[in-house]
Amino acid sequence: MKKRWIAASILSLLCVAAVILICTFFGAADITIKDTLIVLTNKITGLLGAEADTLGAKNTIIWDLRFPRSLLAFLVGGALALCGGVYQAIFKNPMADPFVLGISSGAAFGATIGIILAIPASFMGLNTISFFAFGGAILAIFFVYNIARVGKQANTTSLLLCGIAVNQLLTAVISFAMLLSANQMKKIYFWTLGSFSSKGWDHVFNVLPYIIIGLIVIFLFAKELDIIVLGDETAIRFGIDVEKNKRILFVVTSLVMASCVSVSGIIGFVGLVSPHIVRLIFGPAHKKLLPLSFLLGGIVLCICDTISRSIIASEIPVGIVTAIIGAPFFIYLLRAKNTEVL
């Protein structure tokens, strides 16, 4: 079993590397897979330096533009899927995800305030935008969960309706903020659609620590999530402090979400689709579900980002692509669960 798990892990990492390589290859400039391999090999290992020098400007295009963008898309997609897996366990609902629950909109609302205030300060490595995005995510998840909760648990209908309501409310507030701050309209508009345009290594290094810490902390709670998903009363009988665990996970996931939204804006449905597919194939055990959801979410968003910059020359926001893919899947889940929302 251990050997099989190691083999599966190696295969998964190779698959991720292949996807990032292929996504780095795609673009407007005429660059081949061979060119991409030469540049990446030279930059990562120091080998093939002579061959890389002959490629000239292609080095910059591949290493400074395409590769960090693809890597960032993978990290953000993985983080969204990871948070989605956690929310689905905590809310005991396979349709829960940061976008549907209004948490992404909460983070974007916070980011909007940060953009308007434009305070040149940082806290724990978070700039003003990221810090306010974190606060917005925390407030959104607090309101959605507490408004939807009946007794000790939030049912599916209430959760979805509250998430939709919070989403619409915050979207309206963001739109109003855009009207009031005409000079910041373009920058705020970015958050509402989601995009990796003009992203580079600085953005990768900004989100990487929070995603790594979030991944480690969340993975440590895998066993607790396996029991929490069975019901709060069952978890309490097993000696788990349910509310404490939820608070910790809410803070960690909100911090991860804030770091992601601060570089990508609102990107929906990745956190919904990826954990659900992994759960269908590999089962509900979170020891497997969480890391595999991270890998699949990263792959999905990396591919979606490549599609978004390849369809037309001017590029479309990646949030549009994920919505086109994710919305039908969400409808399928609603029908499969036979949930009457109205």
C-alpha atoms as a PDB file:
ATOM      1  CA  MET A   1       0.000   0.000   0.000  1.00  0.00           C
ATOM      2  CA  LYS A   2       2.843   2.379   0.923  1.00  0.00           C
ATOM      3  CA  LYS A   3       4.673   1.636  -2.349  1.00  0.00           C
ATOM      4  CA  ARG A   4       1.474   2.218  -4.306  1.00  0.00           C
ATOM      5  CA  TRP A   5       0.958   5.564  -2.564  1.00  0.00           C
ATOM      6  CA  ILE A   6       4.552   6.635  -3.318  1.00  0.00           C
ATOM      7  CA  ALA A   7       4.170   5.577  -6.956  1.00  0.00           C
ATOM      8  CA  ALA A   8       0.883   7.474  -7.234  1.00  0.00           C
ATOM      9  CA  SER A   9       2.496  10.577  -5.707  1.00  0.00           C
ATOM     10  CA  ILE A  10       5.410  10.476  -8.157  1.00  0.00           C
ATOM     11  CA  LEU A  11       3.025   9.955 -11.076  1.00  0.00           C
ATOM     12  CA  SER A  12       0.884  12.887  -9.912  1.00  0.00           C
ATOM     13  CA  LEU A  13       3.906  15.199  -9.667  1.00  0.00           C
ATOM     14  CA  LEU A  14       5.081  14.159 -13.130  1.00  0.00           C
ATOM     15  CA  CYS A  15       1.599  14.879 -14.469  1.00  0.00           C
ATOM     16  CA  VAL A  16       1.656  18.335 -12.843  1.00  0.00           C
ATOM     17  CA  ALA A  17       5.105  19.052 -14.297  1.00  0.00           C
ATOM     18  CA  ALA A  18       3.910  17.984 -17.756  1.00  0.00           C
ATOM     19  CA  VAL A  19       0.817  20.208 -17.581  1.00  0.00           C
ATOM     20  CA  ILE A  20       2.809  23.258 -16.435  1.00  0.00           C
ATOM     21  CA  LEU A  21       5.361  22.604 -19.198  1.00  0.00           C
ATOM     22  CA  ILE A  22       2.663  22.365 -21.886  1.00  0.00           C
ATOM     23  CA  CYS A  23       0.872  25.471 -20.565  1.00  0.00           C
ATOM     24  CA  THR A  24       4.180  27.370 -20.583  1.00  0.00           C
ATOM     25  CA  PHE A  25       4.693  26.350 -24.212  1.00  0.00           C
ATOM     26  CA  PHE A  26       1.373  27.853 -25.389  1.00  0.00           C
ATOM     27  CA  GLY A  27       1.262  31.548 -26.285  1.00  0.00           C
ATOM     28  CA  ALA A  28       1.366  34.155 -29.043  1.00  0.00           C
ATOM     29  CA  ALA A  29       5.151  34.005 -29.548  1.00  0.00           C
ATOM     30  CA  ASP A  30       6.510  31.229 -31.769  1.00  0.00           C
ATOM     31  CA  ILE A  31       8.194  29.028 -29.157  1.00  0.00           C
ATOM     32  CA  THR A  32       8.585  25.259 -29.373  1.00  0.00           C
ATOM     33  CA  ILE A  33       8.418  22.626 -26.643  1.00  0.00           C
ATOM     34  CA  LYS A  34      12.156  22.080 -27.162  1.00  0.00           C
ATOM     35  CA  ASP A  35      12.847  25.790 -26.529  1.00  0.00           C
ATOM     36  CA  THR A  36      10.740  25.651 -23.383  1.00  0.00           C
ATOM     37  CA  LEU A  37      12.568  22.570 -22.084  1.00  0.00           C
ATOM     38  CA  ILE A  38      15.987  24.092 -22.787  1.00  0.00           C
ATOM     39  CA  VAL A  39      15.207  27.362 -20.978  1.00  0.00           C
ATOM     40  CA  LEU A  40      13.595  25.703 -17.947  1.00  0.00           C
ATOM     41  CA  THR A  41      16.380  23.114 -17.665  1.00  0.00           C
ATOM     42  CA  ASN A  42      19.006  25.859 -17.822  1.00  0.00           C
ATOM     43  CA  LYS A  43      17.279  28.080 -15.263  1.00  0.00           C
ATOM     44  CA  ILE A  44      16.522  25.270 -12.807  1.00  0.00           C
ATOM     45  CA  THR A  45      19.656  23.106 -13.096  1.00  0.00           C
ATOM     46  CA  GLY A  46      22.226  25.373 -14.748  1.00  0.00           C
ATOM     47  CA  LEU A  47      22.686  22.874 -17.583  1.00  0.00           C
ATOM     48  CA  LEU A  48      22.298  23.580 -21.327  1.00  0.00           C
ATOM     49  CA  GLY A  49      23.518  27.159 -20.841  1.00  0.00           C
ATOM     50  CA  ALA A  50      25.027  27.405 -24.339  1.00  0.00           C
ATOM     51  CA  GLU A  51      21.807  26.263 -25.994  1.00  0.00           C
ATOM     52  CA  ALA A  52      19.724  28.642 -23.868  1.00  0.00           C
ATOM     53  CA  ASP A  53      21.937  31.616 -24.786  1.00  0.00           C
ATOM     54  CA  THR A  54      21.137  31.115 -28.473  1.00  0.00           C
ATOM     55  CA  LEU A  55      17.397  31.584 -27.794  1.00  0.00           C
ATOM     56  CA  GLY A  56      17.775  35.279 -26.918  1.00  0.00           C
ATOM     57  CA  ALA A  57      14.458  36.937 -26.006  1.00  0.00           C
ATOM     58  CA  LYS A  58      12.753  33.561 -25.708  1.00  0.00           C
ATOM     59  CA  ASN A  59      14.516  33.164 -22.350  1.00  0.00           C
ATOM     60  CA  THR A  60      12.659  36.191 -21.005  1.00  0.00           C
ATOM     61  CA  ILE A  61       9.312  35.164 -22.509  1.00  0.00           C
ATOM     62  CA  ILE A  62       9.506  31.656 -21.064  1.00  0.00           C
ATOM     63  CA  TRP A  63      11.154  32.263 -17.678  1.00  0.00           C
ATOM     64  CA  ASP A  64       9.880  35.723 -16.728  1.00  0.00           C
ATOM     65  CA  LEU A  65       6.417  35.711 -18.320  1.00  0.00           C
ATOM     66  CA  ARG A  66       4.907  32.326 -19.140  1.00  0.00           C
ATOM     67  CA  PHE A  67       6.413  29.996 -16.533  1.00  0.00           C
ATOM     68  CA  PRO A  68       5.678  32.101 -13.417  1.00  0.00           C
ATOM     69  CA  ARG A  69       2.163  32.750 -14.716  1.00  0.00           C
ATOM     70  CA  SER A  70       1.490  29.019 -15.218  1.00  0.00           C
ATOM     71  CA  LEU A  71       3.031  28.232 -11.831  1.00  0.00           C
ATOM     72  CA  LEU A  72       0.910  30.912 -10.147  1.00  0.00           C
ATOM     73  CA  ALA A  73      -2.248  29.588 -11.822  1.00  0.00           C
ATOM     74  CA  PHE A  74      -1.400  26.111 -10.529  1.00  0.00           C
ATOM     75  CA  LEU A  75      -0.805  27.350  -6.972  1.00  0.00           C
ATOM     76  CA  VAL A  76      -3.997  29.431  -6.863  1.00  0.00           C
ATOM     77  CA  GLY A  77      -6.077  26.638  -8.413  1.00  0.00           C
ATOM     78  CA  GLY A  78      -4.674  24.154  -5.918  1.00  0.00           C
ATOM     79  CA  ALA A  79      -5.388  26.492  -3.020  1.00  0.00           C
ATOM     80  CA  LEU A  80      -8.982  27.102  -4.155  1.00  0.00           C
ATOM     81  CA  ALA A  81      -9.586  23.347  -4.463  1.00  0.00           C
ATOM     82  CA  LEU A  82      -7.983  22.741  -1.065  1.00  0.00           C
ATOM     83  CA  CYS A  83     -10.237  25.326   0.592  1.00  0.00           C
ATOM     84  CA  GLY A  84     -13.219  23.912  -1.278  1.00  0.00           C
ATOM     85  CA  GLY A  85     -12.494  20.446   0.126  1.00  0.00           C
ATOM     86  CA  VAL A  86     -12.334  21.869   3.656  1.00  0.00           C
ATOM     87  CA  TYR A  87     -15.598  23.817   3.292  1.00  0.00           C
ATOM     88  CA  GLN A  88     -17.393  20.786   1.863  1.00  0.00           C
ATOM     89  CA  ALA A  89     -16.378  18.803   4.955  1.00  0.00           C
ATOM     90  CA  ILE A  90     -17.160  21.523   7.497  1.00  0.00           C
ATOM     91  CA  PHE A  91     -20.538  22.381   5.952  1.00  0.00           C
ATOM     92  CA  LYS A  92     -21.189  18.692   5.146  1.00  0.00           C
ATOM     93  CA  ASN A  93     -22.211  19.786   1.682  1.00  0.00           C
ATOM     94  CA  PRO A  94     -20.540  18.787  -1.630  1.00  0.00           C
ATOM     95  CA  MET A  95     -21.768  22.031  -3.208  1.00  0.00           C
ATOM     96  CA  ALA A  96     -19.834  24.285  -0.832  1.00  0.00           C
ATOM     97  CA  ASP A  97     -16.890  26.215  -2.246  1.00  0.00           C
ATOM     98  CA  PRO A  98     -15.282  29.646  -1.698  1.00  0.00           C
ATOM     99  CA  PHE A  99     -17.113  31.171  -4.692  1.00  0.00           C
ATOM    100  CA  VAL A 100     -20.597  29.745  -4.125  1.00  0.00           C
ATOM    101  CA  LEU A 101     -20.475  30.593  -0.407  1.00  0.00           C
ATOM    102  CA  GLY A 102     -19.574  34.225  -1.087  1.00  0.00           C
ATOM    103  CA  ILE A 103     -16.123  33.940   0.499  1.00  0.00           C
ATOM    104  CA  SER A 104     -14.314  34.904  -2.706  1.00  0.00           C
ATOM    105  CA  SER A 105     -16.588  37.939  -3.004  1.00  0.00           C
ATOM    106  CA  GLY A 106     -15.843  38.781   0.621  1.00  0.00           C
ATOM    107  CA  ALA A 107     -12.119  38.691  -0.086  1.00  0.00           C
ATOM    108  CA  ALA A 108     -12.635  40.801  -3.232  1.00  0.00           C
ATOM    109  CA  PHE A 109     -14.714  43.288  -1.236  1.00  0.00           C
ATOM    110  CA  GLY A 110     -11.892  43.602   1.280  1.00  0.00           C
ATOM    111  CA  ALA A 111      -9.387  43.976  -1.551  1.00  0.00           C
ATOM    112  CA  THR A 112     -11.550  46.750  -3.033  1.00  0.00           C
ATOM    113  CA  ILE A 113     -11.393  48.673   0.244  1.00  0.00           C
ATOM    114  CA  GLY A 114      -7.625  48.140   0.292  1.00  0.00           C
ATOM    115  CA  ILE A 115      -7.311  49.483  -3.260  1.00  0.00           C
ATOM    116  CA  ILE A 116      -9.366  52.592  -2.483  1.00  0.00           C
ATOM    117  CA  LEU A 117      -7.524  53.352   0.771  1.00  0.00           C
ATOM    118  CA  ALA A 118      -4.127  52.680  -0.850  1.00  0.00           C
ATOM    119  CA  ILE A 119      -2.290  52.567   2.487  1.00  0.00           C
ATOM    120  CA  PRO A 120       1.401  51.733   1.883  1.00  0.00           C
ATOM    121  CA  ALA A 121       1.752  49.311   4.794  1.00  0.00           C
ATOM    122  CA  SER A 122       2.097  45.593   5.454  1.00  0.00           C
ATOM    123  CA  PHE A 123       1.278  43.167   8.254  1.00  0.00           C
ATOM    124  CA  MET A 124       2.773  39.653   8.575  1.00  0.00           C
ATOM    125  CA  GLY A 125       3.965  39.961   4.990  1.00  0.00           C
ATOM    126  CA  LEU A 126       0.496  40.917   3.755  1.00  0.00           C
ATOM    127  CA  ASN A 127       0.176  44.206   1.906  1.00  0.00           C
ATOM    128  CA  THR A 128      -2.876  46.416   2.452  1.00  0.00           C
ATOM    129  CA  ILE A 129      -4.912  44.713  -0.272  1.00  0.00           C
ATOM    130  CA  SER A 130      -4.163  41.197   1.015  1.00  0.00           C
ATOM    131  CA  PHE A 131      -4.818  42.190   4.632  1.00  0.00           C
ATOM    132  CA  PHE A 132      -8.232  43.666   3.821  1.00  0.00           C
ATOM    133  CA  ALA A 133      -8.993  40.675   1.582  1.00  0.00           C
ATOM    134  CA  PHE A 134      -8.316  38.408   4.574  1.00  0.00           C
ATOM    135  CA  GLY A 135     -10.706  40.437   6.735  1.00  0.00           C
ATOM    136  CA  GLY A 136     -13.362  40.360   4.018  1.00  0.00           C
ATOM    137  CA  ALA A 137     -13.086  36.581   3.668  1.00  0.00           C
ATOM    138  CA  ILE A 138     -13.413  36.078   7.441  1.00  0.00           C
ATOM    139  CA  LEU A 139     -16.504  38.317   7.626  1.00  0.00           C
ATOM    140  CA  ALA A 140     -18.153  36.627   4.633  1.00  0.00           C
ATOM    141  CA  ILE A 141     -17.736  33.111   5.992  1.00  0.00           C
ATOM    142  CA  PHE A 142     -18.941  34.256   9.438  1.00  0.00           C
ATOM    143  CA  PHE A 143     -22.134  35.794   8.050  1.00  0.00           C
ATOM    144  CA  VAL A 144     -22.947  32.954   5.649  1.00  0.00           C
ATOM    145  CA  TYR A 145     -22.477  30.204   8.220  1.00  0.00           C
ATOM    146  CA  ASN A 146     -24.273  31.941  11.093  1.00  0.00           C
ATOM    147  CA  ILE A 147     -27.218  33.200   9.036  1.00  0.00           C
ATOM    148  CA  ALA A 148     -27.712  29.786   7.392  1.00  0.00           C
ATOM    149  CA  ARG A 149     -27.324  27.816  10.601  1.00  0.00           C
ATOM    150  CA  VAL A 150     -30.423  26.286  12.137  1.00  0.00           C
ATOM    151  CA  GLY A 151     -29.496  24.871  15.515  1.00  0.00           C
ATOM    152  CA  LYS A 152     -25.979  23.459  15.221  1.00  0.00           C
ATOM    153  CA  GLN A 153     -25.909  22.795  11.497  1.00  0.00           C
ATOM    154  CA  ALA A 154     -26.508  24.684   8.255  1.00  0.00           C
ATOM    155  CA  ASN A 155     -28.717  22.855   5.759  1.00  0.00           C
ATOM    156  CA  THR A 156     -28.018  22.860   2.030  1.00  0.00           C
ATOM    157  CA  THR A 157     -30.848  25.179   0.993  1.00  0.00           C
ATOM    158  CA  SER A 158     -30.093  27.856   3.590  1.00  0.00           C
ATOM    159  CA  LEU A 159     -26.376  27.673   2.892  1.00  0.00           C
ATOM    160  CA  LEU A 160     -26.773  28.134  -0.852  1.00  0.00           C
ATOM    161  CA  LEU A 161     -29.311  30.935  -0.511  1.00  0.00           C
ATOM    162  CA  CYS A 162     -27.166  32.798   2.028  1.00  0.00           C
ATOM    163  CA  GLY A 163     -24.079  32.333  -0.141  1.00  0.00           C
ATOM    164  CA  ILE A 164     -25.915  33.684  -3.187  1.00  0.00           C
ATOM    165  CA  ALA A 165     -27.293  36.606  -1.158  1.00  0.00           C
ATOM    166  CA  VAL A 166     -23.875  37.556   0.244  1.00  0.00           C
ATOM    167  CA  ASN A 167     -22.338  37.163  -3.218  1.00  0.00           C
ATOM    168  CA  GLN A 168     -24.900  39.484  -4.803  1.00  0.00           C
ATOM    169  CA  LEU A 169     -24.717  42.023  -1.989  1.00  0.00           C
ATOM    170  CA  LEU A 170     -20.926  42.269  -2.079  1.00  0.00           C
ATOM    171  CA  THR A 171     -20.877  42.362  -5.885  1.00  0.00           C
ATOM    172  CA  ALA A 172     -23.284  45.312  -5.745  1.00  0.00           C
ATOM    173  CA  VAL A 173     -21.127  47.078  -3.143  1.00  0.00           C
ATOM    174  CA  ILE A 174     -18.008  46.508  -5.257  1.00  0.00           C
ATOM    175  CA  SER A 175     -19.810  47.921  -8.318  1.00  0.00           C
ATOM    176  CA  PHE A 176     -20.861  50.962  -6.289  1.00  0.00           C
ATOM    177  CA  ALA A 177     -17.259  51.429  -5.138  1.00  0.00           C
ATOM    178  CA  MET A 178     -16.169  51.362  -8.774  1.00  0.00           C
ATOM    179  CA  LEU A 179     -18.574  54.214  -9.555  1.00  0.00           C
ATOM    180  CA  LEU A 180     -17.300  56.269  -6.634  1.00  0.00           C
ATOM    181  CA  SER A 181     -13.633  55.649  -7.455  1.00  0.00           C
ATOM    182  CA  ALA A 182     -13.441  56.182 -11.201  1.00  0.00           C
ATOM    183  CA  ASN A 183      -9.643  56.389 -11.119  1.00  0.00           C
ATOM    184  CA  GLN A 184      -9.453  52.924  -9.542  1.00  0.00           C
ATOM    185  CA  MET A 185     -12.267  51.408 -11.633  1.00  0.00           C
ATOM    186  CA  LYS A 186     -10.023  49.351 -13.903  1.00  0.00           C
ATOM    187  CA  LYS A 187      -8.057  47.914 -10.989  1.00  0.00           C
ATOM    188  CA  ILE A 188     -11.212  47.027  -9.036  1.00  0.00           C
ATOM    189  CA  TYR A 189     -12.845  45.550 -12.145  1.00  0.00           C
ATOM    190  CA  PHE A 190      -9.903  43.132 -12.276  1.00  0.00           C
ATOM    191  CA  TRP A 191     -11.003  41.525  -9.000  1.00  0.00           C
ATOM    192  CA  THR A 192     -14.508  40.806 -10.227  1.00  0.00           C
ATOM    193  CA  LEU A 193     -13.400  38.722 -13.241  1.00  0.00           C
ATOM    194  CA  GLY A 194     -10.167  37.035 -12.185  1.00  0.00           C
ATOM    195  CA  SER A 195      -7.001  37.121 -14.253  1.00  0.00           C
ATOM    196  CA  PHE A 196      -3.309  36.206 -14.210  1.00  0.00           C
ATOM    197  CA  SER A 197      -2.382  38.826 -16.775  1.00  0.00           C
ATOM    198  CA  SER A 198       0.963  40.568 -16.115  1.00  0.00           C
ATOM    199  CA  LYS A 199       1.747  38.285 -13.184  1.00  0.00           C
ATOM    200  CA  GLY A 200       5.343  37.299 -12.473  1.00  0.00           C
ATOM    201  CA  TRP A 201       7.704  35.863  -9.898  1.00  0.00           C
ATOM    202  CA  ASP A 202       6.890  38.501  -7.254  1.00  0.00           C
ATOM    203  CA  HIS A 203       3.286  37.318  -7.160  1.00  0.00           C
ATOM    204  CA  VAL A 204       4.376  33.662  -6.944  1.00  0.00           C
ATOM    205  CA  PHE A 205       6.591  34.393  -3.937  1.00  0.00           C
ATOM    206  CA  ASN A 206       3.831  36.483  -2.312  1.00  0.00           C
ATOM    207  CA  VAL A 207       1.305  33.632  -2.233  1.00  0.00           C
ATOM    208  CA  LEU A 208       3.677  30.663  -1.865  1.00  0.00           C
ATOM    209  CA  PRO A 209       4.303  30.905   1.929  1.00  0.00           C
ATOM    210  CA  TYR A 210       0.591  31.160   2.755  1.00  0.00           C
ATOM    211  CA  ILE A 211      -0.347  28.290   0.461  1.00  0.00           C
ATOM    212  CA  ILE A 212       2.408  26.029   1.827  1.00  0.00           C
ATOM    213  CA  ILE A 213       1.512  26.821   5.451  1.00  0.00           C
ATOM    214  CA  GLY A 214      -2.189  26.414   4.686  1.00  0.00           C
ATOM    215  CA  LEU A 215      -1.603  23.071   2.963  1.00  0.00           C
ATOM    216  CA  ILE A 216       0.403  21.737   5.918  1.00  0.00           C
ATOM    217  CA  VAL A 217      -2.010  22.956   8.611  1.00  0.00           C
ATOM    218  CA  ILE A 218      -5.105  21.748   6.762  1.00  0.00           C
ATOM    219  CA  PHE A 219      -3.518  18.342   6.075  1.00  0.00           C
ATOM    220  CA  LEU A 220      -2.886  17.959   9.828  1.00  0.00           C
ATOM    221  CA  PHE A 221      -6.657  18.186  10.327  1.00  0.00           C
ATOM    222  CA  ALA A 222      -7.428  15.428   7.787  1.00  0.00           C
ATOM    223  CA  LYS A 223      -8.516  12.869  10.408  1.00  0.00           C
ATOM    224  CA  GLU A 224     -10.664  15.416  12.239  1.00  0.00           C
ATOM    225  CA  LEU A 225     -12.378  16.359   8.971  1.00  0.00           C
ATOM    226  CA  ASP A 226     -13.139  12.675   8.307  1.00  0.00           C
ATOM    227  CA  ILE A 227     -15.084  12.602  11.578  1.00  0.00           C
ATOM    228  CA  ILE A 228     -16.596  16.111  11.407  1.00  0.00           C
ATOM    229  CA  VAL A 229     -18.184  15.269   8.056  1.00  0.00           C
ATOM    230  CA  LEU A 230     -20.162  12.519   9.849  1.00  0.00           C
ATOM    231  CA  GLY A 231     -21.850  15.135  12.020  1.00  0.00           C
ATOM    232  CA  ASP A 232     -20.923  17.453  14.871  1.00  0.00           C
ATOM    233  CA  GLU A 233     -22.494  15.225  17.527  1.00  0.00           C
ATOM    234  CA  THR A 234     -20.537  12.199  16.302  1.00  0.00           C
ATOM    235  CA  ALA A 235     -17.321  14.237  16.293  1.00  0.00           C
ATOM    236  CA  ILE A 236     -17.956  15.424  19.863  1.00  0.00           C
ATOM    237  CA  ARG A 237     -18.443  11.806  20.982  1.00  0.00           C
ATOM    238  CA  PHE A 238     -15.003  11.064  19.517  1.00  0.00           C
ATOM    239  CA  GLY A 239     -13.563  13.806  21.717  1.00  0.00           C
ATOM    240  CA  ILE A 240     -13.083  16.413  18.976  1.00  0.00           C
ATOM    241  CA  ASP A 241     -13.552  20.083  19.818  1.00  0.00           C
ATOM    242  CA  VAL A 242     -15.609  20.801  16.703  1.00  0.00           C
ATOM    243  CA  GLU A 243     -16.007  24.554  17.113  1.00  0.00           C
ATOM    244  CA  LYS A 244     -12.305  25.065  17.855  1.00  0.00           C
ATOM    245  CA  ASN A 245     -11.304  23.029  14.805  1.00  0.00           C
ATOM    246  CA  LYS A 246     -13.752  24.949  12.622  1.00  0.00           C
ATOM    247  CA  ARG A 247     -12.428  28.303  13.840  1.00  0.00           C
ATOM    248  CA  ILE A 248      -8.832  27.301  13.102  1.00  0.00           C
ATOM    249  CA  LEU A 249      -9.734  26.013   9.644  1.00  0.00           C
ATOM    250  CA  PHE A 250     -11.837  29.101   8.862  1.00  0.00           C
ATOM    251  CA  VAL A 251      -8.901  31.381   9.736  1.00  0.00           C
ATOM    252  CA  VAL A 252      -6.368  29.300   7.780  1.00  0.00           C
ATOM    253  CA  THR A 253      -8.552  28.941   4.675  1.00  0.00           C
ATOM    254  CA  SER A 254      -9.474  32.631   4.785  1.00  0.00           C
ATOM    255  CA  LEU A 255      -5.784  33.565   4.915  1.00  0.00           C
ATOM    256  CA  VAL A 256      -5.067  31.287   1.950  1.00  0.00           C
ATOM    257  CA  MET A 257      -8.068  32.685   0.062  1.00  0.00           C
ATOM    258  CA  ALA A 258      -6.988  36.260   0.779  1.00  0.00           C
ATOM    259  CA  SER A 259      -3.493  35.671  -0.583  1.00  0.00           C
ATOM    260  CA  CYS A 260      -4.946  34.073  -3.728  1.00  0.00           C
ATOM    261  CA  VAL A 261      -7.586  36.746  -4.343  1.00  0.00           C
ATOM    262  CA  SER A 262      -4.955  39.458  -3.856  1.00  0.00           C
ATOM    263  CA  VAL A 263      -3.121  38.219  -6.978  1.00  0.00           C
ATOM    264  CA  SER A 264      -5.888  36.691  -9.092  1.00  0.00           C
ATOM    265  CA  GLY A 265      -9.216  38.309  -8.214  1.00  0.00           C
ATOM    266  CA  ILE A 266     -12.406  36.227  -8.020  1.00  0.00           C
ATOM    267  CA  ILE A 267     -12.163  32.828  -9.706  1.00  0.00           C
ATOM    268  CA  GLY A 268     -15.171  30.591  -9.273  1.00  0.00           C
ATOM    269  CA  PHE A 269     -16.020  26.888  -9.323  1.00  0.00           C
ATOM    270  CA  VAL A 270     -12.465  25.442  -9.169  1.00  0.00           C
ATOM    271  CA  GLY A 271     -12.995  24.813  -5.465  1.00  0.00           C
ATOM    272  CA  LEU A 272     -16.303  23.105  -6.229  1.00  0.00           C
ATOM    273  CA  VAL A 273     -15.384  20.849  -9.142  1.00  0.00           C
ATOM    274  CA  SER A 274     -11.971  19.509  -8.112  1.00  0.00           C
ATOM    275  CA  PRO A 275     -12.744  18.051  -4.636  1.00  0.00           C
ATOM    276  CA  HIS A 276     -15.953  16.512  -5.946  1.00  0.00           C
ATOM    277  CA  ILE A 277     -14.177  14.700  -8.798  1.00  0.00           C
ATOM    278  CA  VAL A 278     -11.450  13.452  -6.436  1.00  0.00           C
ATOM    279  CA  ARG A 279     -14.076  12.258  -3.954  1.00  0.00           C
ATOM    280  CA  LEU A 280     -15.906  10.307  -6.669  1.00  0.00           C
ATOM    281  CA  ILE A 281     -12.708   8.582  -7.849  1.00  0.00           C
ATOM    282  CA  PHE A 282     -10.633   8.111  -4.675  1.00  0.00           C
ATOM    283  CA  GLY A 283     -13.219   8.223  -1.892  1.00  0.00           C
ATOM    284  CA  PRO A 284     -13.930  10.661   0.962  1.00  0.00           C
ATOM    285  CA  ALA A 285     -10.825  10.085   3.125  1.00  0.00           C
ATOM    286  CA  HIS A 286      -9.295  13.547   3.520  1.00  0.00           C
ATOM    287  CA  LYS A 287      -5.747  12.215   3.786  1.00  0.00           C
ATOM    288  CA  LYS A 288      -6.032  11.526   0.046  1.00  0.00           C
ATOM    289  CA  LEU A 289      -8.791  13.978  -0.837  1.00  0.00           C
ATOM    290  CA  LEU A 290      -6.958  17.151   0.224  1.00  0.00           C
ATOM    291  CA  PRO A 291      -3.593  16.708  -1.565  1.00  0.00           C
ATOM    292  CA  LEU A 292      -5.206  15.231  -4.679  1.00  0.00           C
ATOM    293  CA  SER A 293      -7.753  18.063  -4.790  1.00  0.00           C
ATOM    294  CA  PHE A 294      -4.854  20.514  -4.600  1.00  0.00           C
ATOM    295  CA  LEU A 295      -3.123  18.842  -7.554  1.00  0.00           C
ATOM    296  CA  LEU A 296      -6.294  18.560  -9.646  1.00  0.00           C
ATOM    297  CA  GLY A 297      -7.384  22.120  -8.864  1.00  0.00           C
ATOM    298  CA  GLY A 298      -3.972  23.401  -9.886  1.00  0.00           C
ATOM    299  CA  ILE A 299      -4.072  21.463 -13.147  1.00  0.00           C
ATOM    300  CA  VAL A 300      -7.623  22.633 -13.943  1.00  0.00           C
ATOM    301  CA  LEU A 301      -6.869  26.325 -13.384  1.00  0.00           C
ATOM    302  CA  CYS A 302      -3.544  26.106 -15.219  1.00  0.00           C
ATOM    303  CA  ILE A 303      -5.340  24.695 -18.264  1.00  0.00           C
ATOM    304  CA  CYS A 304      -8.169  27.253 -17.955  1.00  0.00           C
ATOM    305  CA  ASP A 305      -5.634  30.085 -17.837  1.00  0.00           C
ATOM    306  CA  THR A 306      -3.925  28.740 -20.958  1.00  0.00           C
ATOM    307  CA  ILE A 307      -7.302  28.605 -22.716  1.00  0.00           C
ATOM    308  CA  SER A 308      -8.104  32.168 -21.594  1.00  0.00           C
ATOM    309  CA  ARG A 309      -4.945  33.579 -23.200  1.00  0.00           C
ATOM    310  CA  SER A 310      -5.124  31.425 -26.330  1.00  0.00           C
ATOM    311  CA  ILE A 311      -8.717  31.862 -27.567  1.00  0.00           C
ATOM    312  CA  ILE A 312      -8.313  35.471 -28.700  1.00  0.00           C
ATOM    313  CA  ALA A 313      -5.266  37.704 -29.060  1.00  0.00           C
ATOM    314  CA  SER A 314      -6.345  40.223 -26.412  1.00  0.00           C
ATOM    315  CA  GLU A 315      -6.936  37.500 -23.762  1.00  0.00           C
ATOM    316  CA  ILE A 316     -10.114  36.913 -21.753  1.00  0.00           C
ATOM    317  CA  PRO A 317     -10.302  36.746 -17.933  1.00  0.00           C
ATOM    318  CA  VAL A 318      -9.770  33.233 -16.603  1.00  0.00           C
ATOM    319  CA  GLY A 319     -12.824  33.626 -14.355  1.00  0.00           C
ATOM    320  CA  ILE A 320     -15.014  33.521 -17.460  1.00  0.00           C
ATOM    321  CA  VAL A 321     -13.505  30.190 -18.538  1.00  0.00           C
ATOM    322  CA  THR A 322     -13.887  28.587 -15.095  1.00  0.00           C
ATOM    323  CA  ALA A 323     -17.502  29.807 -14.908  1.00  0.00           C
ATOM    324  CA  ILE A 324     -18.316  28.278 -18.308  1.00  0.00           C
ATOM    325  CA  ILE A 325     -16.885  24.949 -17.125  1.00  0.00           C
ATOM    326  CA  GLY A 326     -18.032  25.086 -13.506  1.00  0.00           C
ATOM    327  CA  ALA A 327     -21.594  26.391 -13.790  1.00  0.00           C
ATOM    328  CA  PRO A 328     -22.930  23.319 -15.682  1.00  0.00           C
ATOM    329  CA  PHE A 329     -21.164  21.083 -13.151  1.00  0.00           C
ATOM    330  CA  PHE A 330     -22.849  22.967 -10.311  1.00  0.00           C
ATOM    331  CA  ILE A 331     -26.244  22.482 -11.983  1.00  0.00           C
ATOM    332  CA  TYR A 332     -25.459  18.776 -12.332  1.00  0.00           C
ATOM    333  CA  LEU A 333     -24.726  18.564  -8.595  1.00  0.00           C
ATOM    334  CA  LEU A 334     -27.987  20.297  -7.761  1.00  0.00           C
ATOM    335  CA  ARG A 335     -29.928  17.845  -9.911  1.00  0.00           C
ATOM    336  CA  ALA A 336     -27.987  14.840  -8.639  1.00  0.00           C
ATOM    337  CA  LYS A 337     -28.720  15.795  -5.040  1.00  0.00           C
ATOM    338  CA  ASN A 338     -32.342  16.548  -5.964  1.00  0.00           C
ATOM    339  CA  THR A 339     -32.100  19.785  -3.958  1.00  0.00           C
ATOM    340  CA  GLU A 340     -34.986  22.211  -4.165  1.00  0.00           C
ATOM    341  CA  VAL A 341     -33.441  25.627  -3.746  1.00  0.00           C
ATOM    342  CA  LEU A 342     -36.632  27.576  -4.383  1.00  0.00           C
END
